[in-house]
Amino acid sequence: MIYLIILFTFLFTNLYSADVNKYNNINSFLISSEGGSYKQTTYEEYKTNKLKNFKIKMGIDKKTLKNKPYYLTIIDKDDSLKYTNAKYEIYDHMKVIKLDESIEKDLYFEYSYKTAQRIAFRFNVISDFEYKYILPFEGILYGLAYGIIFSAFLYYLIIYSSTRRIYFLYYSIMQLFVLLSLIGFVYFSFKPYPNELGQTIVDIFETSGFIFTILFAKEVLNTKKVMPYMNYILNFFLFINILDIFAIFIFKQSIFYEYMPFYLSFLLPFIAGIISIIKGNKISVFYTLGWFMVFLVVYLYEKDMIPLSGIYTIHLTLPLESLIFSFALTITLRELVQKQNEKEKLLIHKSKLASMGEMIDNIAHQWRQPLMHLGYINMNLEMSSQSDKFEKEYFIKKIKESNTQIKFMSKTIDDFSDFYKIEKEKQEFLISNACKLAINIINPTLKKKNINLNLTIKKDSFIKGYENEYAQVILNFFTNSIEIFETRKIENPMINILIETINNKSITKVFDNGKGIKNNSLEEIFDAYVSTKKKGSGIGLYMSRVIIQSHFDGNIYASNNKEGACFTIEV
């Protein structure tokens, strides 16, 4: 299927390209230097010869002007034209000559410079359609094209900073080089000829754009894994383009694209896109459409089948390609967000399982002593029942003791139930209450491990949200500190909680004396699956950040103080 599409395109264009030539109005271009005879001049001579006085003779094929007029545009040095037999109008930065049946068969232009220099003369032929409907609005066309491309560059650079998906970065940089190439192209189109430095810069921009086109295609289509053979071809083409960058610095122009057609840079990604579609990647349809559109337009233009100037063609085509790719990347981003949501759900599920394990362990700690006490009461009652003396007051006393222990155990269940219950609606709660709820849960562990915990309330405040979720975050901080104490064998371990309100923001700080967090880990400690502990899962702190940012619209961050780590919540 791939080869049929490509074959059809080549056959179609080759059949008709010979009959359509938008530049066949000019049948000769001769130069007379310093009063000599008119003769053909090679491009190298035209580019390097320095003249003070010269004449140009341009032959017009009037047969091509019977059906409709064309327009000859000329860019030269305004004060250097001494004579011409052509009637022209000044249009912004250029002279415009109408080519119709009334035009002279040969047009003459005589120039004179103060000092010998390179010939400053550039011409182009545009259609009647371009003259009437594009030329008057070319500034708007350029502005829209640059706006679309720059927006795509900036938007996906921001997306990359959030997602860290490398293909967003490649696409963004590709758009930047496309934009710079277009600006350079337009800037030098206003000049009689591009200077050597300008040509070098524009060629570097163009080749760099092709490099990132290939990098983007490789990454977004996952060619290394999905199509290894195609990946080898793209790598080879990438290598040639990188060599071409070095060649531009040496020869001041692109060597590779001097002999290789531009459309090849879009043909290869298009073929890779077709392969990706065949292998079941539905999103590749949009990328493939974008590459095919640019490939086809560039190919048809090089075959003289598009009746538009190159500068107009690329300013119409590339923004459209940006829109198609942006649409495709939006779908990719949506799927990425869905996968991220699924990942977060899985992490939440794992976090809940871990919390349930902690809950069972803490309930066991809380109940162990009361159960032992109830066992002693039952043993005492049994011994008293076997005694000959029955003391009613003793039985009442033991029953009261028993009820006290049962109430304590019931309260423990209530505390854990409140902590782990699912709250359907957000409610206002005191931050200190959420912290105390977390303390009640972790207290048995603290006592068992001889860890001191201090709660200081400078200024309490109400916030709206899910109290047990806030308590879960505080509990995660406690758990991290406890594990650090054990790992580093900290003597006299201590956890401090400080609650205060500053500038209408409620701030909760949990800090310990566990010797802190390594500085290179502070930035990534809240990332999923990142843990500073040997057996850590990296879920707890990640979920803490998700809870505070998503459910409380707050911030959470870690820092180090003199004695250890400090976790801060701002809501």
Protein backbone atom coordinates (compact mmCIF):
# COMPACT_ATOMS: atom_id res chain seq x y z
CA MET A 1 0.00 0.00 0.00
CA ILE A 2 2.83 2.39 0.89
CA TYR A 3 4.60 1.84 -2.39
CA LEU A 4 1.38 2.20 -4.41
CA ILE A 5 0.69 5.64 -2.91
CA ILE A 6 4.25 6.82 -3.55
CA LEU A 7 4.30 5.35 -7.07
CA PHE A 8 0.97 6.99 -7.94
CA THR A 9 2.22 10.37 -6.71
CA PHE A 10 5.43 10.17 -8.75
CA LEU A 11 3.68 8.94 -11.91
CA PHE A 12 0.99 11.62 -11.69
CA THR A 13 3.42 14.48 -11.22
CA ASN A 14 5.90 13.28 -13.83
CA LEU A 15 3.12 12.91 -16.42
CA TYR A 16 1.93 16.49 -16.08
CA SER A 17 4.87 18.48 -14.81
CA ALA A 18 6.28 18.85 -18.35
CA ASP A 19 3.14 20.72 -19.47
CA VAL A 20 2.89 23.11 -16.54
CA ASN A 21 5.65 25.61 -15.88
CA LYS A 22 4.86 28.78 -14.03
CA TYR A 23 8.14 30.41 -15.12
CA ASN A 24 7.95 29.74 -18.88
CA ASN A 25 7.09 33.38 -19.59
CA ILE A 26 10.83 34.16 -19.53
CA ASN A 27 12.72 32.41 -22.33
CA SER A 28 16.12 34.12 -22.02
CA PHE A 29 18.19 36.10 -19.54
CA LEU A 30 21.33 37.80 -20.90
CA ILE A 31 23.84 40.20 -19.35
CA SER A 32 26.09 42.78 -20.99
CA SER A 33 28.97 43.91 -18.79
CA GLU A 34 30.84 47.18 -19.23
CA GLY A 35 29.41 47.84 -22.72
CA GLY A 36 30.13 44.39 -24.10
CA SER A 37 27.77 42.07 -25.96
CA TYR A 38 24.88 40.22 -24.30
CA LYS A 39 25.67 36.67 -23.24
CA GLN A 40 24.45 33.90 -20.98
CA THR A 41 25.91 34.00 -17.48
CA THR A 42 26.23 31.05 -15.15
CA TYR A 43 24.92 31.33 -11.62
CA GLU A 44 28.44 31.24 -10.20
CA GLU A 45 29.49 34.13 -12.47
CA TYR A 46 26.31 36.00 -11.61
CA LYS A 47 27.01 35.49 -7.91
CA THR A 48 30.71 36.37 -7.88
CA ASN A 49 31.28 38.93 -10.68
CA LYS A 50 31.58 42.54 -9.58
CA LEU A 51 30.51 45.17 -12.10
CA LYS A 52 30.12 48.93 -12.18
CA ASN A 53 27.97 49.20 -15.33
CA PHE A 54 25.86 46.43 -16.86
CA LYS A 55 22.73 45.77 -18.90
CA ILE A 56 20.17 42.96 -18.66
CA LYS A 57 18.16 41.67 -21.58
CA MET A 58 15.16 39.53 -20.67
CA GLY A 59 13.29 37.68 -23.40
CA ILE A 60 9.51 37.33 -23.01
CA ASP A 61 7.60 34.41 -24.53
CA LYS A 62 4.44 36.26 -25.58
CA LYS A 63 2.68 33.02 -26.56
CA THR A 64 2.22 32.22 -22.86
CA LEU A 65 0.41 35.55 -22.30
CA LYS A 66 -2.56 35.04 -24.64
CA ASN A 67 -4.95 33.62 -22.05
CA LYS A 68 -4.10 35.62 -18.92
CA PRO A 69 -1.52 38.14 -17.74
CA TYR A 70 1.38 37.53 -15.40
CA TYR A 71 3.46 39.94 -13.36
CA LEU A 72 7.23 40.28 -13.27
CA THR A 73 8.54 41.39 -9.89
CA ILE A 74 12.04 42.86 -9.64
CA ILE A 75 14.09 43.69 -6.57
CA ASP A 76 17.13 45.87 -7.18
CA LYS A 77 18.87 48.94 -5.82
CA ASP A 78 16.40 51.79 -6.31
CA ASP A 79 18.88 54.49 -7.32
CA SER A 80 20.91 52.30 -9.69
CA LEU A 81 18.40 51.79 -12.55
CA LYS A 82 19.28 54.21 -15.36
CA TYR A 83 17.03 52.93 -18.15
CA THR A 84 14.32 50.36 -18.90
CA ASN A 85 11.84 50.03 -21.74
CA ALA A 86 9.30 48.40 -19.39
CA LYS A 87 6.50 50.23 -17.64
CA TYR A 88 6.54 49.40 -13.96
CA GLU A 89 4.90 50.38 -10.71
CA ILE A 90 6.62 50.56 -7.34
CA TYR A 91 5.01 48.12 -4.94
CA ASP A 92 6.45 48.36 -1.45
CA HIS A 93 9.92 46.85 -1.79
CA MET A 94 9.90 45.95 -5.48
CA LYS A 95 9.09 46.96 -9.02
CA VAL A 96 6.13 45.21 -10.68
CA ILE A 97 5.79 44.87 -14.47
CA LYS A 98 2.61 43.57 -16.05
CA LEU A 99 3.25 40.85 -18.63
CA ASP A 100 0.51 40.73 -21.27
CA GLU A 101 0.23 40.71 -25.03
CA SER A 102 1.16 44.41 -25.21
CA ILE A 103 4.55 43.90 -23.54
CA GLU A 104 7.75 44.26 -25.56
CA LYS A 105 9.34 41.05 -26.78
CA ASP A 106 12.60 41.97 -25.06
CA LEU A 107 12.88 43.94 -21.83
CA TYR A 108 16.04 45.95 -21.18
CA PHE A 109 17.40 47.15 -17.86
CA GLU A 110 20.51 49.33 -17.57
CA TYR A 111 22.24 49.77 -14.21
CA SER A 112 25.16 51.84 -13.00
CA TYR A 113 26.88 51.64 -9.59
CA LYS A 114 29.31 54.11 -8.03
CA THR A 115 31.78 51.29 -7.40
CA ALA A 116 32.09 47.80 -8.82
CA GLN A 117 29.97 45.32 -6.87
CA ARG A 118 27.88 42.20 -7.20
CA ILE A 119 24.85 42.48 -9.49
CA ALA A 120 21.86 43.40 -7.31
CA PHE A 121 18.98 42.07 -9.40
CA ARG A 122 16.40 39.46 -8.45
CA PHE A 123 13.23 38.67 -10.38
CA ASN A 124 10.19 36.44 -10.03
CA VAL A 125 7.01 35.82 -11.99
CA ILE A 126 3.67 35.74 -10.18
CA SER A 127 0.22 34.92 -11.48
CA ASP A 128 -2.70 37.29 -11.85
CA PHE A 129 -4.31 35.58 -8.84
CA GLU A 130 -1.22 36.21 -6.67
CA TYR A 131 -1.06 39.82 -7.79
CA LYS A 132 -4.71 40.56 -6.99
CA TYR A 133 -5.44 38.43 -3.94
CA ILE A 134 -2.16 37.60 -2.17
CA LEU A 135 0.35 40.37 -2.82
CA PRO A 136 -1.84 43.11 -1.24
CA PHE A 137 -2.32 40.99 1.87
CA GLU A 138 1.05 39.27 2.15
CA GLY A 139 1.76 41.05 5.45
CA ILE A 140 -1.39 39.52 6.94
CA LEU A 141 -0.46 36.12 5.49
CA TYR A 142 3.02 36.27 7.03
CA GLY A 143 1.66 37.48 10.37
CA LEU A 144 -0.92 34.68 10.60
CA ALA A 145 1.67 32.08 9.63
CA TYR A 146 4.17 33.33 12.22
CA GLY A 147 1.47 33.59 14.90
CA ILE A 148 0.29 30.01 14.39
CA ILE A 149 3.81 28.57 14.32
CA PHE A 150 5.01 30.61 17.31
CA SER A 151 1.93 29.60 19.31
CA ALA A 152 2.61 25.94 18.52
CA PHE A 153 6.26 26.37 19.57
CA LEU A 154 5.41 28.09 22.87
CA TYR A 155 2.42 25.90 23.78
CA TYR A 156 4.21 22.59 23.35
CA LEU A 157 7.33 23.87 25.07
CA ILE A 158 5.09 24.50 28.10
CA ILE A 159 3.49 21.07 27.66
CA TYR A 160 6.95 19.50 27.64
CA SER A 161 7.88 21.29 30.87
CA SER A 162 4.82 19.66 32.49
CA THR A 163 4.92 16.18 30.95
CA ARG A 164 8.65 15.72 30.20
CA ARG A 165 7.70 13.81 27.04
CA ILE A 166 10.62 14.36 24.70
CA TYR A 167 8.55 14.41 21.48
CA PHE A 168 6.80 17.59 22.69
CA LEU A 169 10.22 19.22 23.02
CA TYR A 170 11.32 18.01 19.56
CA TYR A 171 8.11 19.34 18.03
CA SER A 172 8.48 22.67 19.80
CA ILE A 173 12.10 23.13 18.65
CA MET A 174 11.12 22.04 15.13
CA GLN A 175 8.48 24.80 15.04
CA LEU A 176 11.03 27.32 16.29
CA PHE A 177 13.43 26.52 13.43
CA VAL A 178 10.55 26.58 10.93
CA LEU A 179 9.61 30.03 12.22
CA LEU A 180 13.20 31.30 12.04
CA SER A 181 13.58 29.87 8.52
CA LEU A 182 10.42 31.62 7.31
CA ILE A 183 11.43 34.93 8.87
CA GLY A 184 14.88 34.65 7.28
CA PHE A 185 13.35 33.67 3.96
CA VAL A 186 11.04 36.71 3.97
CA TYR A 187 13.74 39.09 5.20
CA PHE A 188 16.14 38.18 2.41
CA SER A 189 13.33 38.19 -0.17
CA PHE A 190 13.34 41.97 0.35
CA LYS A 191 17.01 42.08 -0.63
CA PRO A 192 18.44 42.06 -4.20
CA TYR A 193 20.54 39.08 -3.09
CA PRO A 194 21.21 37.40 0.26
CA ASN A 195 24.62 38.04 1.73
CA GLU A 196 26.86 35.11 2.58
CA LEU A 197 26.20 35.28 6.33
CA GLY A 198 22.46 35.52 5.80
CA GLN A 199 22.45 32.52 3.46
CA THR A 200 24.46 30.54 6.00
CA ILE A 201 22.10 31.34 8.86
CA VAL A 202 18.94 30.51 6.90
CA ASP A 203 20.43 27.22 5.67
CA ILE A 204 21.35 26.30 9.26
CA PHE A 205 17.78 27.05 10.37
CA GLU A 206 16.32 24.95 7.53
CA THR A 207 18.58 21.94 8.09
CA SER A 208 18.04 22.14 11.86
CA GLY A 209 14.30 22.12 11.20
CA PHE A 210 14.71 18.92 9.16
CA ILE A 211 16.80 17.37 11.95
CA PHE A 212 14.09 17.94 14.53
CA THR A 213 11.42 16.80 12.07
CA ILE A 214 13.16 13.42 11.94
CA LEU A 215 13.74 13.34 15.72
CA PHE A 216 10.07 14.14 16.30
CA ALA A 217 8.93 11.44 13.86
CA LYS A 218 11.22 8.83 15.46
CA GLU A 219 10.00 9.61 18.96
CA VAL A 220 6.28 10.13 18.41
CA LEU A 221 6.01 6.98 16.23
CA ASN A 222 8.34 4.98 18.50
CA THR A 223 10.22 3.77 15.42
CA LYS A 224 13.03 2.18 17.44
CA LYS A 225 10.60 -0.37 18.89
CA VAL A 226 7.82 -0.55 16.29
CA MET A 227 9.77 -0.36 13.00
CA PRO A 228 13.52 -0.97 13.55
CA TYR A 229 14.43 -1.06 9.84
CA MET A 230 12.73 2.26 9.20
CA ASN A 231 14.46 3.57 12.31
CA TYR A 232 17.85 2.73 10.74
CA ILE A 233 16.93 4.70 7.61
CA LEU A 234 15.80 7.69 9.66
CA ASN A 235 18.99 7.54 11.73
CA PHE A 236 21.09 7.52 8.56
CA PHE A 237 19.16 10.49 7.16
CA LEU A 238 19.54 12.24 10.51
CA PHE A 239 23.29 11.67 10.40
CA ILE A 240 23.52 13.18 6.91
CA ASN A 241 21.63 16.28 8.04
CA ILE A 242 23.97 16.71 11.01
CA LEU A 243 26.93 16.47 8.64
CA ASP A 244 25.24 19.07 6.46
CA ILE A 245 25.22 21.50 9.42
CA PHE A 246 29.02 21.24 9.58
CA ALA A 247 29.20 21.61 5.80
CA ILE A 248 27.20 24.84 5.97
CA PHE A 249 29.73 26.32 8.37
CA ILE A 250 32.54 25.41 5.98
CA PHE A 251 31.00 26.15 2.56
CA LYS A 252 28.50 28.84 3.71
CA GLN A 253 25.59 26.94 2.18
CA SER A 254 23.82 23.60 2.40
CA ILE A 255 25.60 20.90 0.41
CA PHE A 256 23.14 18.08 1.00
CA TYR A 257 20.07 20.01 -0.18
CA GLU A 258 22.00 21.42 -3.10
CA TYR A 259 21.69 17.96 -4.68
CA MET A 260 18.89 16.35 -2.68
CA PRO A 261 15.25 17.50 -3.05
CA PHE A 262 13.59 19.06 0.00
CA TYR A 263 10.57 16.77 -0.18
CA LEU A 264 12.70 13.80 0.90
CA SER A 265 12.75 15.16 4.46
CA PHE A 266 8.96 14.78 4.59
CA LEU A 267 8.68 11.64 2.48
CA LEU A 268 10.55 9.49 5.02
CA PRO A 269 8.37 10.49 8.02
CA PHE A 270 5.31 9.99 5.82
CA ILE A 271 6.39 6.42 5.02
CA ALA A 272 7.10 5.81 8.72
CA GLY A 273 3.62 7.12 9.52
CA ILE A 274 2.03 4.72 7.02
CA ILE A 275 3.88 1.81 8.63
CA SER A 276 2.71 2.98 12.05
CA ILE A 277 -0.92 3.07 10.85
CA ILE A 278 -0.60 -0.45 9.44
CA LYS A 279 0.70 -1.60 12.81
CA GLY A 280 -2.42 -0.25 14.51
CA ASN A 281 -1.47 3.22 15.78
CA LYS A 282 -4.62 5.22 14.99
CA ILE A 283 -3.22 8.59 16.10
CA SER A 284 -0.50 8.22 13.44
CA VAL A 285 -3.16 9.02 10.84
CA PHE A 286 -2.98 12.71 11.73
CA TYR A 287 0.81 12.86 11.79
CA THR A 288 0.96 11.00 8.50
CA LEU A 289 -1.57 13.40 6.98
CA GLY A 290 0.59 16.36 8.03
CA TRP A 291 3.78 14.90 6.60
CA PHE A 292 2.05 13.79 3.40
CA MET A 293 0.54 17.23 2.88
CA VAL A 294 3.92 18.99 3.19
CA PHE A 295 5.67 16.32 1.10
CA LEU A 296 3.08 16.58 -1.65
CA VAL A 297 3.08 20.40 -1.73
CA VAL A 298 6.89 20.62 -1.79
CA TYR A 299 7.12 17.88 -4.42
CA LEU A 300 4.48 19.46 -6.65
CA TYR A 301 6.14 22.86 -6.26
CA GLU A 302 9.53 21.49 -7.29
CA LYS A 303 7.79 19.94 -10.30
CA ASP A 304 6.28 23.38 -11.16
CA MET A 305 2.74 22.11 -10.64
CA ILE A 306 1.67 24.68 -8.07
CA PRO A 307 0.91 28.08 -9.63
CA LEU A 308 2.13 30.00 -6.57
CA SER A 309 5.44 31.53 -5.61
CA GLY A 310 7.56 29.53 -3.20
CA ILE A 311 7.35 32.16 -0.47
CA TYR A 312 3.52 32.09 -0.56
CA THR A 313 3.39 28.31 -0.82
CA ILE A 314 5.41 27.67 2.33
CA HIS A 315 3.57 30.39 4.28
CA LEU A 316 0.28 28.68 3.46
CA THR A 317 1.44 25.08 3.91
CA LEU A 318 3.56 25.11 7.08
CA PRO A 319 0.97 26.79 9.36
CA LEU A 320 -1.60 24.26 8.14
CA GLU A 321 0.86 21.48 8.96
CA SER A 322 1.31 23.02 12.43
CA LEU A 323 -2.45 22.97 12.99
CA ILE A 324 -2.73 19.32 11.90
CA PHE A 325 0.19 18.27 14.13
CA SER A 326 -1.18 20.33 17.03
CA PHE A 327 -4.50 18.51 16.68
CA ALA A 328 -2.68 15.16 16.66
CA LEU A 329 -0.56 16.13 19.66
CA THR A 330 -3.68 17.26 21.51
CA ILE A 331 -5.13 13.77 21.08
CA THR A 332 -1.81 12.30 22.21
CA LEU A 333 -1.83 14.62 25.23
CA ARG A 334 -5.39 13.59 26.09
CA GLU A 335 -4.43 9.93 26.02
CA LEU A 336 -1.37 10.76 28.11
CA VAL A 337 -3.57 12.47 30.70
CA GLN A 338 -5.93 9.47 30.73
CA LYS A 339 -3.01 7.12 31.29
CA GLN A 340 -1.72 9.42 34.02
CA ASN A 341 -5.15 9.37 35.68
CA GLU A 342 -5.19 5.58 35.53
CA LYS A 343 -1.70 5.56 36.99
CA GLU A 344 -2.79 7.85 39.82
CA LYS A 345 -5.80 5.64 40.52
CA LEU A 346 -3.45 2.66 40.75
CA LEU A 347 -1.17 4.60 43.06
CA ILE A 348 -4.13 5.61 45.23
CA HIS A 349 -5.21 1.99 45.37
CA LYS A 350 -1.71 0.91 46.40
CA SER A 351 -1.60 3.71 48.94
CA LYS A 352 -4.91 2.56 50.42
CA LEU A 353 -3.65 -1.02 50.64
CA ALA A 354 -0.52 0.21 52.39
CA SER A 355 -2.65 2.34 54.72
CA MET A 356 -4.87 -0.63 55.51
CA GLY A 357 -1.81 -2.61 56.49
CA GLU A 358 -0.68 0.22 58.73
CA MET A 359 -4.19 0.49 60.14
CA ILE A 360 -4.32 -3.20 61.10
CA ASP A 361 -0.86 -2.95 62.63
CA ASN A 362 -1.82 0.14 64.65
CA ILE A 363 -5.13 -1.39 65.80
CA ALA A 364 -3.16 -4.40 66.97
CA HIS A 365 -0.87 -2.06 68.95
CA GLN A 366 -3.85 -0.19 70.40
CA TRP A 367 -5.76 -3.31 71.40
CA ARG A 368 -2.90 -5.43 72.69
CA GLN A 369 -2.75 -3.80 76.15
CA PRO A 370 -6.58 -3.55 76.67
CA LEU A 371 -6.99 -7.21 75.65
CA MET A 372 -4.29 -8.20 78.09
CA HIS A 373 -6.04 -6.15 80.80
CA LEU A 374 -9.40 -7.81 79.99
CA GLY A 375 -7.67 -11.17 80.27
CA TYR A 376 -6.43 -10.31 83.77
CA ILE A 377 -9.96 -9.12 84.76
CA ASN A 378 -11.50 -12.36 83.54
CA MET A 379 -8.86 -14.37 85.39
CA ASN A 380 -9.53 -12.41 88.62
CA LEU A 381 -13.30 -12.85 88.26
CA GLU A 382 -12.87 -16.58 87.67
CA MET A 383 -10.70 -16.91 90.77
CA SER A 384 -13.17 -14.87 92.84
CA SER A 385 -16.10 -16.98 91.67
CA GLN A 386 -14.35 -20.09 93.01
CA SER A 387 -13.79 -18.44 96.38
CA ASP A 388 -16.18 -19.05 99.27
CA LYS A 389 -16.40 -15.34 99.95
CA PHE A 390 -18.38 -13.37 97.38
CA GLU A 391 -17.58 -9.66 97.33
CA LYS A 392 -20.14 -7.71 95.31
CA GLU A 393 -18.09 -4.48 95.34
CA TYR A 394 -15.13 -6.33 93.87
CA PHE A 395 -17.23 -7.66 90.99
CA ILE A 396 -18.66 -4.18 90.27
CA LYS A 397 -15.15 -2.69 90.31
CA LYS A 398 -13.84 -5.26 87.82
CA ILE A 399 -16.86 -4.85 85.54
CA LYS A 400 -16.24 -1.08 85.48
CA GLU A 401 -12.61 -1.73 84.61
CA SER A 402 -13.76 -4.05 81.87
CA ASN A 403 -16.19 -1.48 80.45
CA THR A 404 -13.44 1.16 80.50
CA GLN A 405 -11.20 -1.06 78.40
CA ILE A 406 -14.05 -1.90 76.02
CA LYS A 407 -14.84 1.81 75.59
CA PHE A 408 -11.17 2.50 74.86
CA MET A 409 -11.16 -0.23 72.21
CA SER A 410 -14.42 1.11 70.74
CA LYS A 411 -12.96 4.61 70.56
CA THR A 412 -9.96 3.18 68.75
CA ILE A 413 -12.29 1.70 66.12
CA ASP A 414 -14.09 5.06 65.83
CA ASP A 415 -10.79 6.89 65.34
CA PHE A 416 -9.67 4.54 62.59
CA SER A 417 -13.13 4.55 61.03
CA ASP A 418 -13.16 8.35 60.90
CA PHE A 419 -9.68 8.35 59.46
CA TYR A 420 -10.35 5.91 56.62
CA LYS A 421 -13.98 6.69 55.80
CA ILE A 422 -14.78 8.16 52.37
CA GLU A 423 -16.17 11.67 52.66
CA LYS A 424 -18.52 12.64 49.85
CA GLU A 425 -18.62 16.40 50.44
CA LYS A 426 -16.00 18.88 51.52
CA GLN A 427 -16.49 20.31 54.99
CA GLU A 428 -14.79 22.93 57.12
CA PHE A 429 -12.49 21.56 59.80
CA LEU A 430 -9.77 22.78 62.13
CA ILE A 431 -6.26 21.91 61.00
CA SER A 432 -5.38 20.96 64.57
CA ASN A 433 -8.20 18.38 64.61
CA ALA A 434 -6.85 16.75 61.44
CA CYS A 435 -3.37 16.65 62.99
CA LYS A 436 -4.71 15.16 66.23
CA LEU A 437 -6.55 12.49 64.21
CA ALA A 438 -3.25 11.49 62.60
CA ILE A 439 -1.55 11.54 66.02
CA ASN A 440 -4.18 9.21 67.48
CA ILE A 441 -3.55 6.75 64.67
CA ILE A 442 0.25 6.76 64.95
CA ASN A 443 0.46 7.13 68.75
CA PRO A 444 0.86 3.39 69.57
CA THR A 445 3.81 3.18 67.16
CA LEU A 446 5.39 6.29 68.67
CA LYS A 447 5.13 4.85 72.19
CA LYS A 448 6.49 1.50 71.10
CA LYS A 449 9.53 3.10 69.42
CA ASN A 450 10.06 5.75 72.14
CA ILE A 451 9.53 8.68 69.77
CA ASN A 452 8.54 12.02 71.26
CA LEU A 453 5.93 14.08 69.44
CA ASN A 454 5.18 17.74 70.18
CA LEU A 455 2.23 19.71 68.81
CA THR A 456 2.48 23.52 68.87
CA ILE A 457 -0.49 25.64 67.80
CA LYS A 458 0.40 29.31 67.27
CA LYS A 459 -2.73 30.17 65.34
CA ASP A 460 -5.24 27.55 64.25
CA SER A 461 -7.58 28.02 61.30
CA PHE A 462 -10.50 26.42 59.53
CA ILE A 463 -10.07 25.12 55.98
CA LYS A 464 -12.53 23.44 53.66
CA GLY A 465 -11.88 19.97 52.32
CA TYR A 466 -11.64 16.35 53.43
CA GLU A 467 -10.33 16.17 56.96
CA ASN A 468 -9.18 12.56 56.79
CA GLU A 469 -7.20 13.28 53.59
CA TYR A 470 -5.35 16.12 55.31
CA ALA A 471 -4.72 13.77 58.23
CA GLN A 472 -3.43 11.17 55.76
CA VAL A 473 -0.81 13.64 54.52
CA ILE A 474 0.30 14.37 58.09
CA LEU A 475 0.41 10.63 58.79
CA ASN A 476 2.64 10.15 55.71
CA PHE A 477 5.09 12.67 57.17
CA PHE A 478 5.09 10.78 60.49
CA THR A 479 5.71 7.48 58.72
CA ASN A 480 8.67 8.93 56.76
CA SER A 481 10.23 10.28 59.94
CA ILE A 482 9.80 6.99 61.80
CA GLU A 483 11.45 5.02 58.97
CA ILE A 484 14.35 7.50 58.85
CA PHE A 485 14.83 7.20 62.63
CA GLU A 486 15.12 3.41 62.32
CA THR A 487 17.37 3.48 59.26
CA ARG A 488 19.80 6.01 60.69
CA LYS A 489 19.44 4.78 64.29
CA ILE A 490 18.70 8.26 65.62
CA GLU A 491 19.02 8.67 69.39
CA ASN A 492 16.20 10.52 71.17
CA PRO A 493 14.04 10.73 68.04
CA MET A 494 11.58 13.62 67.98
CA ILE A 495 8.80 14.87 65.70
CA ASN A 496 7.46 18.41 65.98
CA ILE A 497 4.27 19.85 64.51
CA LEU A 498 3.78 23.59 64.16
CA ILE A 499 0.43 25.10 63.11
CA GLU A 500 0.29 28.81 62.31
CA THR A 501 -1.42 31.31 60.01
CA ILE A 502 0.59 33.83 57.96
CA ASN A 503 -0.92 36.29 55.45
CA ASN A 504 -4.26 34.46 55.51
CA LYS A 505 -2.53 31.17 54.68
CA SER A 506 -2.70 28.26 57.07
CA ILE A 507 0.73 26.66 57.41
CA THR A 508 1.49 23.29 58.92
CA LYS A 509 5.11 22.23 59.44
CA VAL A 510 6.22 18.73 60.41
CA PHE A 511 9.93 18.51 61.19
CA ASP A 512 12.15 15.95 62.87
CA ASN A 513 15.73 15.40 63.98
CA GLY A 514 16.47 12.67 61.43
CA LYS A 515 19.47 14.51 59.84
CA GLY A 516 17.52 15.68 56.78
CA ILE A 517 17.18 14.82 53.09
CA LYS A 518 20.02 14.84 50.55
CA ASN A 519 19.93 18.10 48.60
CA ASN A 520 19.86 16.34 45.22
CA SER A 521 16.67 14.53 46.31
CA LEU A 522 14.69 17.55 47.52
CA GLU A 523 13.39 18.46 44.04
CA GLU A 524 12.17 14.98 43.13
CA ILE A 525 11.09 13.62 46.51
CA PHE A 526 7.41 14.16 45.67
CA ASP A 527 7.64 12.36 42.29
CA ALA A 528 5.93 9.00 41.88
CA TYR A 529 8.09 5.93 42.63
CA VAL A 530 10.93 8.12 43.91
CA SER A 531 12.04 7.27 47.43
CA THR A 532 15.08 8.09 49.54
CA LYS A 533 14.51 4.92 51.58
CA LYS A 534 15.91 1.54 50.54
CA LYS A 535 12.53 -0.20 50.77
CA GLY A 536 10.37 2.85 50.02
CA SER A 537 7.72 2.72 47.27
CA GLY A 538 7.70 6.46 46.55
CA ILE A 539 3.90 6.51 46.73
CA GLY A 540 3.21 8.24 50.06
CA LEU A 541 4.76 11.65 49.37
CA TYR A 542 3.55 11.62 45.77
CA MET A 543 -0.01 11.06 46.95
CA SER A 544 0.48 13.75 49.60
CA ARG A 545 1.30 16.26 46.88
CA VAL A 546 -1.67 15.14 44.75
CA ILE A 547 -4.04 15.50 47.73
CA ILE A 548 -2.84 18.98 48.77
CA GLN A 549 -2.65 20.39 45.23
CA SER A 550 -5.81 18.82 43.82
CA HIS A 551 -8.18 18.78 46.81
CA PHE A 552 -6.98 21.80 48.80
CA ASP A 553 -5.52 24.00 46.03
CA GLY A 554 -2.42 24.35 48.17
CA ASN A 555 1.32 23.80 48.03
CA ILE A 556 3.56 21.25 49.66
CA TYR A 557 7.34 21.22 49.75
CA ALA A 558 10.30 19.79 51.64
CA SER A 559 13.38 21.48 53.06
CA ASN A 560 16.14 20.86 55.58
CA ASN A 561 16.74 22.56 58.90
CA LYS A 562 19.63 22.20 61.33
CA GLU A 563 18.50 18.86 62.77
CA GLY A 564 16.50 17.18 60.03
CA ALA A 565 13.81 17.38 57.35
CA CYS A 566 10.90 19.79 57.36
CA PHE A 567 7.68 19.22 55.39
CA THR A 568 5.48 22.28 54.90
CA ILE A 569 1.84 22.50 53.81
CA GLU A 570 0.39 25.83 52.70
CA VAL A 571 -3.36 26.09 52.15
